[in-house]
Amino acid sequence: MKDFIQQSIQTCSMKKRSSQIERSLLFIKLLRTQSKRIGSENQSFLIDSDTQCARTTCTQPIAATQAVLRFPNHKIVHYHCKTKYEKELEDRYKKHY
């Protein structure tokens, strides 16, 4: 009986330590993700009368009052051009590789 209890305590302790380590690693991952998000939110870009949509077939200039998206490659597109621009990027990637 004593051996069983000792073994059970060891198993519980090991599981607890493992859970604590996993929790700490997940917390670190959360902090890194939040840091990246804050860093990207603090980046600004200028839209003037010469700013064009990065989508190759879009001929409309970007107005200061329009909703826009900035991609990780720093290209700016109209919100309504997002899906088509993503498709363009995907096609370019496929041709390149």
PDB file of N, CA and C in Angstrom:
ATOM      1  N   MET A   1       0.828  -1.190   0.000  1.00  0.00           N
ATOM      2  CA  MET A   1       0.000   0.000   0.000  1.00  0.00           C
ATOM      3  C   MET A   1       0.875   1.258   0.000  1.00  0.00           C
ATOM      4  N   LYS A   2       1.926   1.229   0.808  1.00  0.00           N
ATOM      5  CA  LYS A   2       2.826   2.367   0.907  1.00  0.00           C
ATOM      6  C   LYS A   2       3.480   2.656  -0.448  1.00  0.00           C
ATOM      7  N   ASP A   3       3.915   1.611  -1.137  1.00  0.00           N
ATOM      8  CA  ASP A   3       4.530   1.779  -2.454  1.00  0.00           C
ATOM      9  C   ASP A   3       3.543   2.390  -3.453  1.00  0.00           C
ATOM     10  N   PHE A   4       2.325   1.953  -3.406  1.00  0.00           N
ATOM     11  CA  PHE A   4       1.299   2.479  -4.305  1.00  0.00           C
ATOM     12  C   PHE A   4       1.089   3.977  -4.076  1.00  0.00           C
ATOM     13  N   ILE A   5       1.013   4.374  -2.811  1.00  0.00           N
ATOM     14  CA  ILE A   5       0.802   5.783  -2.472  1.00  0.00           C
ATOM     15  C   ILE A   5       2.001   6.621  -2.914  1.00  0.00           C
ATOM     16  N   GLN A   6       3.215   6.115  -2.668  1.00  0.00           N
ATOM     17  CA  GLN A   6       4.411   6.843  -3.089  1.00  0.00           C
ATOM     18  C   GLN A   6       4.446   7.004  -4.615  1.00  0.00           C
ATOM     19  N   GLN A   7       4.136   5.924  -5.299  1.00  0.00           N
ATOM     20  CA  GLN A   7       4.119   5.966  -6.763  1.00  0.00           C
ATOM     21  C   GLN A   7       3.061   6.948  -7.269  1.00  0.00           C
ATOM     22  N   SER A   8       1.913   6.951  -6.642  1.00  0.00           N
ATOM     23  CA  SER A   8       0.837   7.866  -7.032  1.00  0.00           C
ATOM     24  C   SER A   8       1.237   9.318  -6.798  1.00  0.00           C
ATOM     25  N   ILE A   9       1.883   9.585  -5.671  1.00  0.00           N
ATOM     26  CA  ILE A   9       2.335  10.943  -5.361  1.00  0.00           C
ATOM     27  C   ILE A   9       3.386  11.392  -6.376  1.00  0.00           C
ATOM     28  N   GLN A  10       4.314  10.513  -6.712  1.00  0.00           N
ATOM     29  CA  GLN A  10       5.342  10.849  -7.695  1.00  0.00           C
ATOM     30  C   GLN A  10       4.720  11.143  -9.063  1.00  0.00           C
ATOM     31  N   THR A  11       3.771  10.318  -9.440  1.00  0.00           N
ATOM     32  CA  THR A  11       3.093  10.515 -10.726  1.00  0.00           C
ATOM     33  C   THR A  11       2.344  11.839 -10.746  1.00  0.00           C
ATOM     34  N   CYS A  12       1.638  12.136  -9.675  1.00  0.00           N
ATOM     35  CA  CYS A  12       0.901  13.402  -9.585  1.00  0.00           C
ATOM     36  C   CYS A  12       1.852  14.594  -9.607  1.00  0.00           C
ATOM     37  N   SER A  13       2.957  14.486  -8.899  1.00  0.00           N
ATOM     38  CA  SER A  13       3.945  15.569  -8.869  1.00  0.00           C
ATOM     39  C   SER A  13       4.547  15.791 -10.252  1.00  0.00           C
ATOM     40  N   MET A  14       4.863  14.712 -10.929  1.00  0.00           N
ATOM     41  CA  MET A  14       5.431  14.812 -12.265  1.00  0.00           C
ATOM     42  C   MET A  14       4.434  15.461 -13.234  1.00  0.00           C
ATOM     43  N   LYS A  15       3.176  15.060 -13.155  1.00  0.00           N
ATOM     44  CA  LYS A  15       2.149  15.644 -14.023  1.00  0.00           C
ATOM     45  C   LYS A  15       1.963  17.127 -13.720  1.00  0.00           C
ATOM     46  N   LYS A  16       2.019  17.474 -12.440  1.00  0.00           N
ATOM     47  CA  LYS A  16       1.859  18.876 -12.047  1.00  0.00           C
ATOM     48  C   LYS A  16       3.010  19.717 -12.584  1.00  0.00           C
ATOM     49  N   ARG A  17       4.251  19.231 -12.433  1.00  0.00           N
ATOM     50  CA  ARG A  17       5.410  19.964 -12.948  1.00  0.00           C
ATOM     51  C   ARG A  17       5.332  20.112 -14.466  1.00  0.00           C
ATOM     52  N   SER A  18       4.946  19.048 -15.113  1.00  0.00           N
ATOM     53  CA  SER A  18       4.812  19.084 -16.569  1.00  0.00           C
ATOM     54  C   SER A  18       3.763  20.112 -16.998  1.00  0.00           C
ATOM     55  N   SER A  19       2.656  20.151 -16.295  1.00  0.00           N
ATOM     56  CA  SER A  19       1.601  21.124 -16.595  1.00  0.00           C
ATOM     57  C   SER A  19       2.077  22.548 -16.342  1.00  0.00           C
ATOM     58  N   GLN A  20       2.847  22.746 -15.270  1.00  0.00           N
ATOM     59  CA  GLN A  20       3.365  24.077 -14.964  1.00  0.00           C
ATOM     60  C   GLN A  20       4.344  24.542 -16.046  1.00  0.00           C
ATOM     61  N   ILE A  21       5.187  23.631 -16.517  1.00  0.00           N
ATOM     62  CA  ILE A  21       6.133  23.971 -17.583  1.00  0.00           C
ATOM     63  C   ILE A  21       5.377  24.324 -18.857  1.00  0.00           C
ATOM     64  N   GLU A  22       4.386  23.520 -19.195  1.00  0.00           N
ATOM     65  CA  GLU A  22       3.590  23.781 -20.389  1.00  0.00           C
ATOM     66  C   GLU A  22       2.874  25.132 -20.277  1.00  0.00           C
ATOM     67  N   ARG A  23       2.330  25.408 -19.116  1.00  0.00           N
ATOM     68  CA  ARG A  23       1.637  26.685 -18.883  1.00  0.00           C
ATOM     69  C   ARG A  23       2.603  27.851 -19.046  1.00  0.00           C
ATOM     70  N   SER A  24       3.813  27.717 -18.510  1.00  0.00           N
ATOM     71  CA  SER A  24       4.818  28.778 -18.632  1.00  0.00           C
ATOM     72  C   SER A  24       5.218  28.994 -20.091  1.00  0.00           C
ATOM     73  N   LEU A  25       5.399  27.915 -20.832  1.00  0.00           N
ATOM     74  CA  LEU A  25       5.758  28.033 -22.244  1.00  0.00           C
ATOM     75  C   LEU A  25       4.644  28.696 -23.051  1.00  0.00           C
ATOM     76  N   LEU A  26       3.411  28.341 -22.756  1.00  0.00           N
ATOM     77  CA  LEU A  26       2.282  28.966 -23.444  1.00  0.00           C
ATOM     78  C   LEU A  26       2.183  30.454 -23.105  1.00  0.00           C
ATOM     79  N   PHE A  27       2.488  30.797 -21.865  1.00  0.00           N
ATOM     80  CA  PHE A  27       2.462  32.201 -21.460  1.00  0.00           C
ATOM     81  C   PHE A  27       3.543  32.992 -22.199  1.00  0.00           C
ATOM     82  N   ILE A  28       4.727  32.406 -22.336  1.00  0.00           N
ATOM     83  CA  ILE A  28       5.805  33.059 -23.085  1.00  0.00           C
ATOM     84  C   ILE A  28       5.382  33.260 -24.539  1.00  0.00           C
ATOM     85  N   LYS A  29       4.757  32.244 -25.111  1.00  0.00           N
ATOM     86  CA  LYS A  29       4.273  32.353 -26.492  1.00  0.00           C
ATOM     87  C   LYS A  29       3.238  33.476 -26.610  1.00  0.00           C
ATOM     88  N   LEU A  30       2.351  33.579 -25.643  1.00  0.00           N
ATOM     89  CA  LEU A  30       1.350  34.647 -25.631  1.00  0.00           C
ATOM     90  C   LEU A  30       2.022  36.018 -25.581  1.00  0.00           C
ATOM     91  N   LEU A  31       3.014  36.172 -24.711  1.00  0.00           N
ATOM     92  CA  LEU A  31       3.710  37.453 -24.589  1.00  0.00           C
ATOM     93  C   LEU A  31       4.418  37.832 -25.886  1.00  0.00           C
ATOM     94  N   ARG A  32       5.046  36.865 -26.531  1.00  0.00           N
ATOM     95  CA  ARG A  32       5.723  37.145 -27.807  1.00  0.00           C
ATOM     96  C   ARG A  32       4.717  37.560 -28.880  1.00  0.00           C
ATOM     97  N   THR A  33       3.591  36.868 -28.918  1.00  0.00           N
ATOM     98  CA  THR A  33       2.556  37.195 -29.897  1.00  0.00           C
ATOM     99  C   THR A  33       2.008  38.595 -29.653  1.00  0.00           C
ATOM    100  N   GLN A  34       1.759  38.919 -28.400  1.00  0.00           N
ATOM    101  CA  GLN A  34       1.265  40.259 -28.069  1.00  0.00           C
ATOM    102  C   GLN A  34       2.294  41.327 -28.429  1.00  0.00           C
ATOM    103  N   SER A  35       3.556  41.036 -28.199  1.00  0.00           N
ATOM    104  CA  SER A  35       4.617  41.982 -28.529  1.00  0.00           C
ATOM    105  C   SER A  35       4.667  42.231 -30.036  1.00  0.00           C
ATOM    106  N   LYS A  36       4.559  41.171 -30.826  1.00  0.00           N
ATOM    107  CA  LYS A  36       4.542  41.324 -32.287  1.00  0.00           C
ATOM    108  C   LYS A  36       3.329  42.138 -32.730  1.00  0.00           C
ATOM    109  N   ARG A  37       2.177  41.862 -32.132  1.00  0.00           N
ATOM    110  CA  ARG A  37       0.953  42.583 -32.490  1.00  0.00           C
ATOM    111  C   ARG A  37       1.100  44.069 -32.180  1.00  0.00           C
ATOM    112  N   ILE A  38       1.611  44.372 -30.994  1.00  0.00           N
ATOM    113  CA  ILE A  38       1.794  45.771 -30.603  1.00  0.00           C
ATOM    114  C   ILE A  38       2.782  46.456 -31.544  1.00  0.00           C
ATOM    115  N   GLY A  39       3.848  45.748 -31.891  1.00  0.00           N
ATOM    116  CA  GLY A  39       4.828  46.314 -32.815  1.00  0.00           C
ATOM    117  C   GLY A  39       4.229  46.616 -34.174  1.00  0.00           C
ATOM    118  N   SER A  40       3.399  45.717 -34.669  1.00  0.00           N
ATOM    119  CA  SER A  40       2.793  45.949 -35.986  1.00  0.00           C
ATOM    120  C   SER A  40       1.721  47.025 -35.923  1.00  0.00           C
ATOM    121  N   GLU A  41       1.037  47.152 -34.802  1.00  0.00           N
ATOM    122  CA  GLU A  41       0.025  48.202 -34.668  1.00  0.00           C
ATOM    123  C   GLU A  41       0.653  49.585 -34.577  1.00  0.00           C
ATOM    124  N   ASN A  42       1.887  49.650 -34.141  1.00  0.00           N
ATOM    125  CA  ASN A  42       2.557  50.938 -33.987  1.00  0.00           C
ATOM    126  C   ASN A  42       3.210  51.424 -35.278  1.00  0.00           C
ATOM    127  N   GLN A  43       3.112  50.648 -36.347  1.00  0.00           N
ATOM    128  CA  GLN A  43       3.668  51.070 -37.626  1.00  0.00           C
ATOM    129  C   GLN A  43       2.614  51.859 -38.390  1.00  0.00           C
ATOM    130  N   SER A  44       3.019  52.970 -38.926  1.00  0.00           N
ATOM    131  CA  SER A  44       2.074  53.796 -39.677  1.00  0.00           C
ATOM    132  C   SER A  44       2.515  53.873 -41.134  1.00  0.00           C
ATOM    133  N   PHE A  45       1.617  54.334 -41.969  1.00  0.00           N
ATOM    134  CA  PHE A  45       1.944  54.550 -43.373  1.00  0.00           C
ATOM    135  C   PHE A  45       1.180  55.766 -43.857  1.00  0.00           C
ATOM    136  N   LEU A  46       1.715  56.401 -44.861  1.00  0.00           N
ATOM    137  CA  LEU A  46       1.151  57.638 -45.375  1.00  0.00           C
ATOM    138  C   LEU A  46       0.368  57.354 -46.652  1.00  0.00           C
ATOM    139  N   ILE A  47      -0.840  57.860 -46.707  1.00  0.00           N
ATOM    140  CA  ILE A  47      -1.648  57.768 -47.920  1.00  0.00           C
ATOM    141  C   ILE A  47      -1.823  59.184 -48.445  1.00  0.00           C
ATOM    142  N   ASP A  48      -1.323  59.408 -49.655  1.00  0.00           N
ATOM    143  CA  ASP A  48      -1.500  60.718 -50.280  1.00  0.00           C
ATOM    144  C   ASP A  48      -2.192  60.536 -51.631  1.00  0.00           C
ATOM    145  N   SER A  49      -2.262  61.584 -52.405  1.00  0.00           N
ATOM    146  CA  SER A  49      -2.993  61.521 -53.678  1.00  0.00           C
ATOM    147  C   SER A  49      -2.314  60.614 -54.703  1.00  0.00           C
ATOM    148  N   ASP A  50      -1.042  60.284 -54.492  1.00  0.00           N
ATOM    149  CA  ASP A  50      -0.318  59.412 -55.419  1.00  0.00           C
ATOM    150  C   ASP A  50      -0.344  57.942 -55.015  1.00  0.00           C
ATOM    151  N   THR A  51      -0.903  57.633 -53.878  1.00  0.00           N
ATOM    152  CA  THR A  51      -0.906  56.254 -53.393  1.00  0.00           C
ATOM    153  C   THR A  51      -1.824  55.393 -54.257  1.00  0.00           C
ATOM    154  N   GLN A  52      -1.262  54.313 -54.763  1.00  0.00           N
ATOM    155  CA  GLN A  52      -2.012  53.394 -55.624  1.00  0.00           C
ATOM    156  C   GLN A  52      -2.193  52.053 -54.921  1.00  0.00           C
ATOM    157  N   CYS A  53      -3.243  51.374 -55.285  1.00  0.00           N
ATOM    158  CA  CYS A  53      -3.498  50.028 -54.781  1.00  0.00           C
ATOM    159  C   CYS A  53      -2.424  49.099 -55.346  1.00  0.00           C
ATOM    160  N   ALA A  54      -1.929  48.182 -54.540  1.00  0.00           N
ATOM    161  CA  ALA A  54      -0.870  47.272 -54.963  1.00  0.00           C
ATOM    162  C   ALA A  54      -1.371  46.175 -55.904  1.00  0.00           C
ATOM    163  N   ARG A  55      -2.672  45.981 -55.973  1.00  0.00           N
ATOM    164  CA  ARG A  55      -3.216  44.973 -56.889  1.00  0.00           C
ATOM    165  C   ARG A  55      -2.961  45.430 -58.321  1.00  0.00           C
ATOM    166  N   THR A  56      -2.396  44.568 -59.147  1.00  0.00           N
ATOM    167  CA  THR A  56      -1.941  44.980 -60.478  1.00  0.00           C
ATOM    168  C   THR A  56      -3.067  45.435 -61.389  1.00  0.00           C
ATOM    169  N   THR A  57      -4.249  44.872 -61.262  1.00  0.00           N
ATOM    170  CA  THR A  57      -5.343  45.239 -62.167  1.00  0.00           C
ATOM    171  C   THR A  57      -6.236  46.347 -61.622  1.00  0.00           C
ATOM    172  N   CYS A  58      -5.965  46.829 -60.440  1.00  0.00           N
ATOM    173  CA  CYS A  58      -6.776  47.906 -59.863  1.00  0.00           C
ATOM    174  C   CYS A  58      -6.223  49.246 -60.340  1.00  0.00           C
ATOM    175  N   THR A  59      -7.089  50.061 -60.880  1.00  0.00           N
ATOM    176  CA  THR A  59      -6.659  51.365 -61.392  1.00  0.00           C
ATOM    177  C   THR A  59      -7.112  52.518 -60.512  1.00  0.00           C
ATOM    178  N   GLN A  60      -7.819  52.216 -59.445  1.00  0.00           N
ATOM    179  CA  GLN A  60      -8.335  53.267 -58.569  1.00  0.00           C
ATOM    180  C   GLN A  60      -7.262  53.717 -57.578  1.00  0.00           C
ATOM    181  N   PRO A  61      -7.097  55.016 -57.427  1.00  0.00           N
ATOM    182  CA  PRO A  61      -6.184  55.482 -56.378  1.00  0.00           C
ATOM    183  C   PRO A  61      -6.817  55.231 -55.009  1.00  0.00           C
ATOM    184  N   ILE A  62      -5.984  55.217 -54.020  1.00  0.00           N
ATOM    185  CA  ILE A  62      -6.491  55.017 -52.662  1.00  0.00           C
ATOM    186  C   ILE A  62      -6.800  56.382 -52.060  1.00  0.00           C
ATOM    187  N   ALA A  63      -8.024  56.542 -51.617  1.00  0.00           N
ATOM    188  CA  ALA A  63      -8.436  57.792 -50.974  1.00  0.00           C
ATOM    189  C   ALA A  63      -8.256  57.660 -49.465  1.00  0.00           C
ATOM    190  N   ALA A  64      -8.036  58.772 -48.818  1.00  0.00           N
ATOM    191  CA  ALA A  64      -7.796  58.771 -47.372  1.00  0.00           C
ATOM    192  C   ALA A  64      -9.001  58.277 -46.580  1.00  0.00           C
ATOM    193  N   THR A  65     -10.172  58.313 -47.178  1.00  0.00           N
ATOM    194  CA  THR A  65     -11.381  57.902 -46.457  1.00  0.00           C
ATOM    195  C   THR A  65     -11.756  56.442 -46.701  1.00  0.00           C
ATOM    196  N   GLN A  66     -10.989  55.736 -47.540  1.00  0.00           N
ATOM    197  CA  GLN A  66     -11.315  54.345 -47.851  1.00  0.00           C
ATOM    198  C   GLN A  66     -10.676  53.389 -46.851  1.00  0.00           C
ATOM    199  N   ALA A  67     -11.330  52.251 -46.685  1.00  0.00           N
ATOM    200  CA  ALA A  67     -10.755  51.195 -45.849  1.00  0.00           C
ATOM    201  C   ALA A  67      -9.647  50.511 -46.644  1.00  0.00           C
ATOM    202  N   VAL A  68      -8.501  50.347 -46.007  1.00  0.00           N
ATOM    203  CA  VAL A  68      -7.357  49.724 -46.676  1.00  0.00           C
ATOM    204  C   VAL A  68      -6.751  48.651 -45.782  1.00  0.00           C
ATOM    205  N   LEU A  69      -5.944  47.810 -46.398  1.00  0.00           N
ATOM    206  CA  LEU A  69      -5.190  46.787 -45.676  1.00  0.00           C
ATOM    207  C   LEU A  69      -3.722  46.942 -46.014  1.00  0.00           C
ATOM    208  N   ARG A  70      -2.880  46.720 -45.037  1.00  0.00           N
ATOM    209  CA  ARG A  70      -1.438  46.722 -45.275  1.00  0.00           C
ATOM    210  C   ARG A  70      -0.938  45.309 -45.050  1.00  0.00           C
ATOM    211  N   PHE A  71      -0.343  44.734 -46.066  1.00  0.00           N
ATOM    212  CA  PHE A  71       0.159  43.367 -45.989  1.00  0.00           C
ATOM    213  C   PHE A  71       1.544  43.349 -45.347  1.00  0.00           C
ATOM    214  N   PRO A  72       1.996  42.184 -44.914  1.00  0.00           N
ATOM    215  CA  PRO A  72       3.330  42.088 -44.304  1.00  0.00           C
ATOM    216  C   PRO A  72       4.463  42.544 -45.231  1.00  0.00           C
ATOM    217  N   ASN A  73       4.228  42.508 -46.547  1.00  0.00           N
ATOM    218  CA  ASN A  73       5.246  42.989 -47.485  1.00  0.00           C
ATOM    219  C   ASN A  73       5.178  44.510 -47.660  1.00  0.00           C
ATOM    220  N   HIS A  74       4.398  45.177 -46.798  1.00  0.00           N
ATOM    221  CA  HIS A  74       4.233  46.637 -46.747  1.00  0.00           C
ATOM    222  C   HIS A  74       3.453  47.205 -47.931  1.00  0.00           C
ATOM    223  N   LYS A  75       2.765  46.363 -48.674  1.00  0.00           N
ATOM    224  CA  LYS A  75       1.925  46.824 -49.781  1.00  0.00           C
ATOM    225  C   LYS A  75       0.546  47.177 -49.242  1.00  0.00           C
ATOM    226  N   ILE A  76      -0.036  48.232 -49.811  1.00  0.00           N
ATOM    227  CA  ILE A  76      -1.347  48.710 -49.375  1.00  0.00           C
ATOM    228  C   ILE A  76      -2.357  48.435 -50.483  1.00  0.00           C
ATOM    229  N   VAL A  77      -3.489  47.855 -50.103  1.00  0.00           N
ATOM    230  CA  VAL A  77      -4.556  47.572 -51.067  1.00  0.00           C
ATOM    231  C   VAL A  77      -5.889  48.031 -50.493  1.00  0.00           C
ATOM    232  N   HIS A  78      -6.829  48.287 -51.398  1.00  0.00           N
ATOM    233  CA  HIS A  78      -8.191  48.572 -50.955  1.00  0.00           C
ATOM    234  C   HIS A  78      -8.720  47.349 -50.216  1.00  0.00           C
ATOM    235  N   TYR A  79      -9.596  47.585 -49.284  1.00  0.00           N
ATOM    236  CA  TYR A  79     -10.186  46.463 -48.546  1.00  0.00           C
ATOM    237  C   TYR A  79     -10.898  45.509 -49.500  1.00  0.00           C
ATOM    238  N   HIS A  80     -11.598  46.054 -50.480  1.00  0.00           N
ATOM    239  CA  HIS A  80     -12.331  45.195 -51.410  1.00  0.00           C
ATOM    240  C   HIS A  80     -11.406  44.488 -52.409  1.00  0.00           C
ATOM    241  N   CYS A  81     -10.120  44.850 -52.467  1.00  0.00           N
ATOM    242  CA  CYS A  81      -9.146  44.192 -53.350  1.00  0.00           C
ATOM    243  C   CYS A  81      -8.361  43.093 -52.626  1.00  0.00           C
ATOM    244  N   LYS A  82      -8.603  42.921 -51.357  1.00  0.00           N
ATOM    245  CA  LYS A  82      -7.824  42.001 -50.524  1.00  0.00           C
ATOM    246  C   LYS A  82      -7.767  40.594 -51.098  1.00  0.00           C
ATOM    247  N   THR A  83      -8.914  40.004 -51.386  1.00  0.00           N
ATOM    248  CA  THR A  83      -8.960  38.616 -51.847  1.00  0.00           C
ATOM    249  C   THR A  83      -8.224  38.456 -53.171  1.00  0.00           C
ATOM    250  N   LYS A  84      -8.442  39.379 -54.090  1.00  0.00           N
ATOM    251  CA  LYS A  84      -7.786  39.289 -55.398  1.00  0.00           C
ATOM    252  C   LYS A  84      -6.278  39.498 -55.274  1.00  0.00           C
ATOM    253  N   TYR A  85      -5.848  40.383 -54.381  1.00  0.00           N
ATOM    254  CA  TYR A  85      -4.416  40.599 -54.179  1.00  0.00           C
ATOM    255  C   TYR A  85      -3.761  39.359 -53.558  1.00  0.00           C
ATOM    256  N   GLU A  86      -4.446  38.733 -52.609  1.00  0.00           N
ATOM    257  CA  GLU A  86      -3.923  37.491 -52.027  1.00  0.00           C
ATOM    258  C   GLU A  86      -3.768  36.425 -53.104  1.00  0.00           C
ATOM    259  N   LYS A  87      -4.714  36.354 -54.025  1.00  0.00           N
ATOM    260  CA  LYS A  87      -4.642  35.398 -55.131  1.00  0.00           C
ATOM    261  C   LYS A  87      -3.445  35.718 -56.018  1.00  0.00           C
ATOM    262  N   GLU A  88      -3.215  37.003 -56.299  1.00  0.00           N
ATOM    263  CA  GLU A  88      -2.045  37.410 -57.087  1.00  0.00           C
ATOM    264  C   GLU A  88      -0.751  36.961 -56.410  1.00  0.00           C
ATOM    265  N   LEU A  89      -0.664  37.193 -55.118  1.00  0.00           N
ATOM    266  CA  LEU A  89       0.539  36.791 -54.379  1.00  0.00           C
ATOM    267  C   LEU A  89       0.737  35.284 -54.437  1.00  0.00           C
ATOM    268  N   GLU A  90      -0.359  34.558 -54.288  1.00  0.00           N
ATOM    269  CA  GLU A  90      -0.298  33.097 -54.339  1.00  0.00           C
ATOM    270  C   GLU A  90       0.165  32.628 -55.717  1.00  0.00           C
ATOM    271  N   ASP A  91      -0.365  33.234 -56.771  1.00  0.00           N
ATOM    272  CA  ASP A  91       0.031  32.865 -58.134  1.00  0.00           C
ATOM    273  C   ASP A  91       1.500  33.185 -58.386  1.00  0.00           C
ATOM    274  N   ARG A  92       1.973  34.339 -57.900  1.00  0.00           N
ATOM    275  CA  ARG A  92       3.390  34.694 -58.044  1.00  0.00           C
ATOM    276  C   ARG A  92       4.275  33.688 -57.325  1.00  0.00           C
ATOM    277  N   TYR A  93       3.841  33.282 -56.148  1.00  0.00           N
ATOM    278  CA  TYR A  93       4.617  32.322 -55.365  1.00  0.00           C
ATOM    279  C   TYR A  93       4.700  30.986 -56.096  1.00  0.00           C
ATOM    280  N   LYS A  94       3.574  30.551 -56.668  1.00  0.00           N
ATOM    281  CA  LYS A  94       3.545  29.276 -57.393  1.00  0.00           C
ATOM    282  C   LYS A  94       4.445  29.323 -58.622  1.00  0.00           C
ATOM    283  N   LYS A  95       4.471  30.454 -59.338  1.00  0.00           N
ATOM    284  CA  LYS A  95       5.318  30.581 -60.522  1.00  0.00           C
ATOM    285  C   LYS A  95       6.790  30.579 -60.142  1.00  0.00           C
ATOM    286  N   HIS A  96       7.075  31.164 -58.990  1.00  0.00           N
ATOM    287  CA  HIS A  96       8.466  31.271 -58.548  1.00  0.00           C
ATOM    288  C   HIS A  96       9.019  29.926 -58.096  1.00  0.00           C
ATOM    289  N   TYR A  97       8.158  29.073 -57.558  1.00  0.00           N
ATOM    290  CA  TYR A  97       8.626  27.780 -57.040  1.00  0.00           C
ATOM    291  C   TYR A  97       8.058  26.652 -57.791  1.00  0.00           C
TER     292      TYR A  97
END
